[in-house]
Amino acid sequence: MNTPAPRADAQQNRVKIVDAAREVIAAAAPGEDLRLNAIAQRAGVGQGTLYRHFPTREDLLSEVYRSEVDELVALAPTLLETLAPDEALSRWFDRVADYARVKRGVFAAVEASVWKDLSAQSLGPIGEAIRQILDAGHSSKVFREDVDARDVITLISFLTRLDEADWDARARYLLAIVLDGLRHH
């Protein structure tokens, strides 16, 4: 028996809730409590609507994180369609900086058992997105051949440890240094 597709307004509400949660998480100070009523209010929905879509706080945070990963992964081939590999990676790193800010907020708000599962799920798709860009750069001799996706993931993991006070001044600057290190000179 097939489950009927959610109504259009229900789908829109779900997207609004996830988008609002992403904004609240990205703007939250480290250690700040994530209030679900603030997310519902920002999304323009009632708390009942929020809880129908996301029965627990962890459900919502997991969905925010998954949507961030999905968007990040989908961006790699899109960028490669129109940009040289080094420019694609530079633009992708811009998006990684935004992703890492949300990731840091989600992981701070989610219990350790949940974040370990989320992290394990994201490394494969994100690694694949990086591999696509690196392969294109290796083929065009833009990137060093001795660097693989695992190296890049390790290098960019510093973003989750960057202090909020340093974020705007350092996140993209440090990613530019990583990108420069990946290029042939």
C-alpha atoms as a PDB file:
ATOM      1  CA  MET A   1       0.000   0.000   0.000  1.00  0.00           C
ATOM      2  CA  ASN A   2       1.423   3.369  -1.027  1.00  0.00           C
ATOM      3  CA  THR A   3       1.575   6.207   1.454  1.00  0.00           C
ATOM      4  CA  PRO A   4       0.004   9.352   0.014  1.00  0.00           C
ATOM      5  CA  ALA A   5       2.378  12.213  -0.682  1.00  0.00           C
ATOM      6  CA  PRO A   6       2.253  15.041   1.841  1.00  0.00           C
ATOM      7  CA  ARG A   7       0.091  18.003   0.926  1.00  0.00           C
ATOM      8  CA  ALA A   8       1.865  20.943  -0.718  1.00  0.00           C
ATOM      9  CA  ASP A   9       1.314  23.184   2.302  1.00  0.00           C
ATOM     10  CA  ALA A  10       2.708  20.508   4.625  1.00  0.00           C
ATOM     11  CA  GLN A  11       5.800  20.195   2.430  1.00  0.00           C
ATOM     12  CA  GLN A  12       6.209  23.981   2.419  1.00  0.00           C
ATOM     13  CA  ASN A  13       5.900  24.097   6.199  1.00  0.00           C
ATOM     14  CA  ARG A  14       8.561  21.419   6.547  1.00  0.00           C
ATOM     15  CA  VAL A  15      10.947  23.396   4.324  1.00  0.00           C
ATOM     16  CA  LYS A  16      10.200  26.614   6.246  1.00  0.00           C
ATOM     17  CA  ILE A  17      10.913  24.882   9.555  1.00  0.00           C
ATOM     18  CA  VAL A  18      14.216  23.444   8.336  1.00  0.00           C
ATOM     19  CA  ASP A  19      15.273  26.798   6.852  1.00  0.00           C
ATOM     20  CA  ALA A  20      14.347  28.630  10.054  1.00  0.00           C
ATOM     21  CA  ALA A  21      16.220  26.081  12.164  1.00  0.00           C
ATOM     22  CA  ARG A  22      19.285  26.482   9.938  1.00  0.00           C
ATOM     23  CA  GLU A  23      19.180  30.268  10.435  1.00  0.00           C
ATOM     24  CA  VAL A  24      18.736  29.993  14.199  1.00  0.00           C
ATOM     25  CA  ILE A  25      21.561  27.464  14.487  1.00  0.00           C
ATOM     26  CA  ALA A  26      23.947  29.543  12.370  1.00  0.00           C
ATOM     27  CA  ALA A  27      23.215  32.682  14.409  1.00  0.00           C
ATOM     28  CA  ALA A  28      23.368  31.031  17.845  1.00  0.00           C
ATOM     29  CA  ALA A  29      26.245  31.742  20.162  1.00  0.00           C
ATOM     30  CA  PRO A  30      28.289  28.709  21.227  1.00  0.00           C
ATOM     31  CA  GLY A  31      26.498  26.885  24.022  1.00  0.00           C
ATOM     32  CA  GLU A  32      23.285  28.854  23.504  1.00  0.00           C
ATOM     33  CA  ASP A  33      20.168  26.756  24.052  1.00  0.00           C
ATOM     34  CA  LEU A  34      18.265  26.006  20.841  1.00  0.00           C
ATOM     35  CA  ARG A  35      14.630  26.950  21.478  1.00  0.00           C
ATOM     36  CA  LEU A  36      12.105  25.147  19.287  1.00  0.00           C
ATOM     37  CA  ASN A  37       9.413  27.769  19.867  1.00  0.00           C
ATOM     38  CA  ALA A  38      11.792  30.396  18.399  1.00  0.00           C
ATOM     39  CA  ILE A  39      12.239  28.192  15.327  1.00  0.00           C
ATOM     40  CA  ALA A  40       8.495  27.708  14.926  1.00  0.00           C
ATOM     41  CA  GLN A  41       7.958  31.447  15.267  1.00  0.00           C
ATOM     42  CA  ARG A  42      10.689  32.256  12.731  1.00  0.00           C
ATOM     43  CA  ALA A  43       9.179  29.700  10.317  1.00  0.00           C
ATOM     44  CA  GLY A  44       5.727  31.231  10.756  1.00  0.00           C
ATOM     45  CA  VAL A  45       4.162  27.993  11.996  1.00  0.00           C
ATOM     46  CA  GLY A  46       2.702  26.849  15.287  1.00  0.00           C
ATOM     47  CA  GLN A  47       4.540  24.558  17.660  1.00  0.00           C
ATOM     48  CA  GLY A  48       2.067  21.787  16.835  1.00  0.00           C
ATOM     49  CA  THR A  49       3.053  21.982  13.171  1.00  0.00           C
ATOM     50  CA  LEU A  50       6.720  21.844  14.097  1.00  0.00           C
ATOM     51  CA  TYR A  51       6.191  18.790  16.299  1.00  0.00           C
ATOM     52  CA  ARG A  52       4.090  17.005  13.645  1.00  0.00           C
ATOM     53  CA  HIS A  53       7.049  17.239  11.277  1.00  0.00           C
ATOM     54  CA  PHE A  54       9.773  16.789  13.878  1.00  0.00           C
ATOM     55  CA  PRO A  55       8.608  14.994  17.030  1.00  0.00           C
ATOM     56  CA  THR A  56      11.925  15.577  18.783  1.00  0.00           C
ATOM     57  CA  ARG A  57      14.591  18.220  18.753  1.00  0.00           C
ATOM     58  CA  GLU A  58      17.068  15.616  17.496  1.00  0.00           C
ATOM     59  CA  ASP A  59      14.757  14.837  14.544  1.00  0.00           C
ATOM     60  CA  LEU A  60      14.796  18.485  13.519  1.00  0.00           C
ATOM     61  CA  LEU A  61      18.533  18.894  13.993  1.00  0.00           C
ATOM     62  CA  SER A  62      19.192  15.712  12.057  1.00  0.00           C
ATOM     63  CA  GLU A  63      17.086  16.975   9.159  1.00  0.00           C
ATOM     64  CA  VAL A  64      18.845  20.351   9.158  1.00  0.00           C
ATOM     65  CA  TYR A  65      22.199  18.597   9.052  1.00  0.00           C
ATOM     66  CA  ARG A  66      21.115  16.161   6.333  1.00  0.00           C
ATOM     67  CA  SER A  67      19.764  18.984   4.176  1.00  0.00           C
ATOM     68  CA  GLU A  68      23.046  20.874   4.571  1.00  0.00           C
ATOM     69  CA  VAL A  69      24.998  17.794   3.475  1.00  0.00           C
ATOM     70  CA  ASP A  70      22.658  17.174   0.528  1.00  0.00           C
ATOM     71  CA  GLU A  71      23.013  20.769  -0.686  1.00  0.00           C
ATOM     72  CA  LEU A  72      26.780  20.689  -0.299  1.00  0.00           C
ATOM     73  CA  VAL A  73      27.080  17.400  -2.189  1.00  0.00           C
ATOM     74  CA  ALA A  74      24.772  18.541  -5.009  1.00  0.00           C
ATOM     75  CA  LEU A  75      26.760  21.733  -5.483  1.00  0.00           C
ATOM     76  CA  ALA A  76      30.002  20.013  -6.579  1.00  0.00           C
ATOM     77  CA  PRO A  77      28.850  18.711  -9.992  1.00  0.00           C
ATOM     78  CA  THR A  78      26.864  21.900 -10.596  1.00  0.00           C
ATOM     79  CA  LEU A  79      29.955  24.041 -10.106  1.00  0.00           C
ATOM     80  CA  LEU A  80      32.041  21.762 -12.324  1.00  0.00           C
ATOM     81  CA  GLU A  81      29.602  22.289 -15.201  1.00  0.00           C
ATOM     82  CA  THR A  82      30.600  25.930 -15.582  1.00  0.00           C
ATOM     83  CA  LEU A  83      33.837  26.522 -13.680  1.00  0.00           C
ATOM     84  CA  ALA A  84      37.439  25.376 -13.795  1.00  0.00           C
ATOM     85  CA  PRO A  85      38.194  22.862 -11.028  1.00  0.00           C
ATOM     86  CA  ASP A  86      40.151  25.297  -8.862  1.00  0.00           C
ATOM     87  CA  GLU A  87      37.414  27.936  -9.114  1.00  0.00           C
ATOM     88  CA  ALA A  88      34.780  25.233  -8.468  1.00  0.00           C
ATOM     89  CA  LEU A  89      36.624  24.172  -5.332  1.00  0.00           C
ATOM     90  CA  SER A  90      36.989  27.788  -4.226  1.00  0.00           C
ATOM     91  CA  ARG A  91      33.242  28.361  -4.570  1.00  0.00           C
ATOM     92  CA  TRP A  92      32.539  24.984  -2.953  1.00  0.00           C
ATOM     93  CA  PHE A  93      34.759  25.984  -0.015  1.00  0.00           C
ATOM     94  CA  ASP A  94      32.651  29.151   0.364  1.00  0.00           C
ATOM     95  CA  ARG A  95      29.635  26.904   0.849  1.00  0.00           C
ATOM     96  CA  VAL A  96      31.661  24.611   3.163  1.00  0.00           C
ATOM     97  CA  ALA A  97      32.235  27.570   5.482  1.00  0.00           C
ATOM     98  CA  ASP A  98      28.464  28.065   5.795  1.00  0.00           C
ATOM     99  CA  TYR A  99      27.954  24.312   6.218  1.00  0.00           C
ATOM    100  CA  ALA A 100      30.579  24.082   8.959  1.00  0.00           C
ATOM    101  CA  ARG A 101      28.934  26.883  10.938  1.00  0.00           C
ATOM    102  CA  VAL A 102      25.620  24.987  10.886  1.00  0.00           C
ATOM    103  CA  LYS A 103      27.379  21.667  11.568  1.00  0.00           C
ATOM    104  CA  ARG A 104      29.065  23.121  14.614  1.00  0.00           C
ATOM    105  CA  GLY A 105      25.735  24.425  15.898  1.00  0.00           C
ATOM    106  CA  VAL A 106      23.948  21.146  15.259  1.00  0.00           C
ATOM    107  CA  PHE A 107      26.648  19.069  16.899  1.00  0.00           C
ATOM    108  CA  ALA A 108      26.672  21.360  19.918  1.00  0.00           C
ATOM    109  CA  ALA A 109      22.934  20.853  20.288  1.00  0.00           C
ATOM    110  CA  VAL A 110      22.713  17.121  19.650  1.00  0.00           C
ATOM    111  CA  GLU A 111      23.722  14.364  22.000  1.00  0.00           C
ATOM    112  CA  ALA A 112      26.960  12.545  21.168  1.00  0.00           C
ATOM    113  CA  SER A 113      25.255   9.341  20.033  1.00  0.00           C
ATOM    114  CA  VAL A 114      23.199  11.214  17.433  1.00  0.00           C
ATOM    115  CA  TRP A 115      26.057  13.343  16.063  1.00  0.00           C
ATOM    116  CA  LYS A 116      28.317  10.332  15.578  1.00  0.00           C
ATOM    117  CA  ASP A 117      25.638   8.775  13.362  1.00  0.00           C
ATOM    118  CA  LEU A 118      25.180  12.016  11.415  1.00  0.00           C
ATOM    119  CA  SER A 119      28.911  12.430  10.914  1.00  0.00           C
ATOM    120  CA  ALA A 120      29.297   8.879   9.627  1.00  0.00           C
ATOM    121  CA  GLN A 121      26.468   9.466   7.140  1.00  0.00           C
ATOM    122  CA  SER A 122      27.956  12.692   5.779  1.00  0.00           C
ATOM    123  CA  LEU A 123      31.563  11.658   5.253  1.00  0.00           C
ATOM    124  CA  GLY A 124      30.686   9.357   2.362  1.00  0.00           C
ATOM    125  CA  PRO A 125      28.623  11.849   0.321  1.00  0.00           C
ATOM    126  CA  ILE A 126      30.854  14.811   1.128  1.00  0.00           C
ATOM    127  CA  GLY A 127      33.931  12.755   0.330  1.00  0.00           C
ATOM    128  CA  GLU A 128      32.355  11.833  -2.997  1.00  0.00           C
ATOM    129  CA  ALA A 129      31.616  15.485  -3.783  1.00  0.00           C
ATOM    130  CA  ILE A 130      35.223  16.416  -3.017  1.00  0.00           C
ATOM    131  CA  ARG A 131      36.467  13.452  -5.072  1.00  0.00           C
ATOM    132  CA  GLN A 132      34.500  14.677  -8.103  1.00  0.00           C
ATOM    133  CA  ILE A 133      36.085  18.109  -7.917  1.00  0.00           C
ATOM    134  CA  LEU A 134      39.569  16.716  -7.241  1.00  0.00           C
ATOM    135  CA  ASP A 135      39.287  14.244 -10.134  1.00  0.00           C
ATOM    136  CA  ALA A 136      38.404  17.088 -12.490  1.00  0.00           C
ATOM    137  CA  GLY A 137      41.338  19.085 -11.138  1.00  0.00           C
ATOM    138  CA  HIS A 138      43.688  16.126 -11.454  1.00  0.00           C
ATOM    139  CA  SER A 139      42.594  15.583 -15.068  1.00  0.00           C
ATOM    140  CA  SER A 140      43.187  19.212 -15.951  1.00  0.00           C
ATOM    141  CA  LYS A 141      46.471  19.312 -13.961  1.00  0.00           C
ATOM    142  CA  VAL A 142      45.131  22.096 -11.710  1.00  0.00           C
ATOM    143  CA  PHE A 143      45.392  20.124  -8.464  1.00  0.00           C
ATOM    144  CA  ARG A 144      48.229  18.087  -7.050  1.00  0.00           C
ATOM    145  CA  GLU A 145      47.789  14.373  -7.771  1.00  0.00           C
ATOM    146  CA  ASP A 146      48.930  13.322  -4.290  1.00  0.00           C
ATOM    147  CA  VAL A 147      45.850  14.788  -2.565  1.00  0.00           C
ATOM    148  CA  ASP A 148      42.640  12.816  -2.102  1.00  0.00           C
ATOM    149  CA  ALA A 149      39.218  13.505  -0.596  1.00  0.00           C
ATOM    150  CA  ARG A 150      40.213  12.234   2.846  1.00  0.00           C
ATOM    151  CA  ASP A 151      43.082  14.748   2.909  1.00  0.00           C
ATOM    152  CA  VAL A 152      40.717  17.601   2.078  1.00  0.00           C
ATOM    153  CA  ILE A 153      38.167  16.536   4.697  1.00  0.00           C
ATOM    154  CA  THR A 154      40.925  16.437   7.297  1.00  0.00           C
ATOM    155  CA  LEU A 155      42.185  19.865   6.252  1.00  0.00           C
ATOM    156  CA  ILE A 156      38.771  21.547   6.328  1.00  0.00           C
ATOM    157  CA  SER A 157      37.709  19.971   9.606  1.00  0.00           C
ATOM    158  CA  PHE A 158      39.314  22.922  11.398  1.00  0.00           C
ATOM    159  CA  LEU A 159      36.117  24.861  10.628  1.00  0.00           C
ATOM    160  CA  THR A 160      34.215  23.080  13.374  1.00  0.00           C
ATOM    161  CA  ARG A 161      36.819  24.239  15.902  1.00  0.00           C
ATOM    162  CA  LEU A 162      37.048  27.872  14.831  1.00  0.00           C
ATOM    163  CA  ASP A 163      35.831  30.288  17.499  1.00  0.00           C
ATOM    164  CA  GLU A 164      32.737  32.286  16.607  1.00  0.00           C
ATOM    165  CA  ALA A 165      34.633  35.526  17.248  1.00  0.00           C
ATOM    166  CA  ASP A 166      37.163  34.541  14.562  1.00  0.00           C
ATOM    167  CA  TRP A 167      34.682  33.086  12.065  1.00  0.00           C
ATOM    168  CA  ASP A 168      34.110  35.983   9.685  1.00  0.00           C
ATOM    169  CA  ALA A 169      37.753  36.996   9.610  1.00  0.00           C
ATOM    170  CA  ARG A 170      39.284  33.539   9.314  1.00  0.00           C
ATOM    171  CA  ALA A 171      36.995  30.819   7.892  1.00  0.00           C
ATOM    172  CA  ARG A 172      37.155  31.722   4.200  1.00  0.00           C
ATOM    173  CA  TYR A 173      40.721  33.020   4.490  1.00  0.00           C
ATOM    174  CA  LEU A 174      41.912  29.668   5.861  1.00  0.00           C
ATOM    175  CA  LEU A 175      39.940  27.782   3.191  1.00  0.00           C
ATOM    176  CA  ALA A 176      41.711  29.898   0.565  1.00  0.00           C
ATOM    177  CA  ILE A 177      45.036  28.755   2.036  1.00  0.00           C
ATOM    178  CA  VAL A 178      43.885  25.127   1.786  1.00  0.00           C
ATOM    179  CA  LEU A 179      42.849  25.685  -1.824  1.00  0.00           C
ATOM    180  CA  ASP A 180      46.188  27.280  -2.641  1.00  0.00           C
ATOM    181  CA  GLY A 181      47.946  24.251  -1.147  1.00  0.00           C
ATOM    182  CA  LEU A 182      45.953  21.908  -3.395  1.00  0.00           C
ATOM    183  CA  ARG A 183      46.989  23.681  -6.606  1.00  0.00           C
ATOM    184  CA  HIS A 184      50.049  22.857  -8.686  1.00  0.00           C
ATOM    185  CA  HIS A 185      52.555  25.692  -8.423  1.00  0.00           C
END
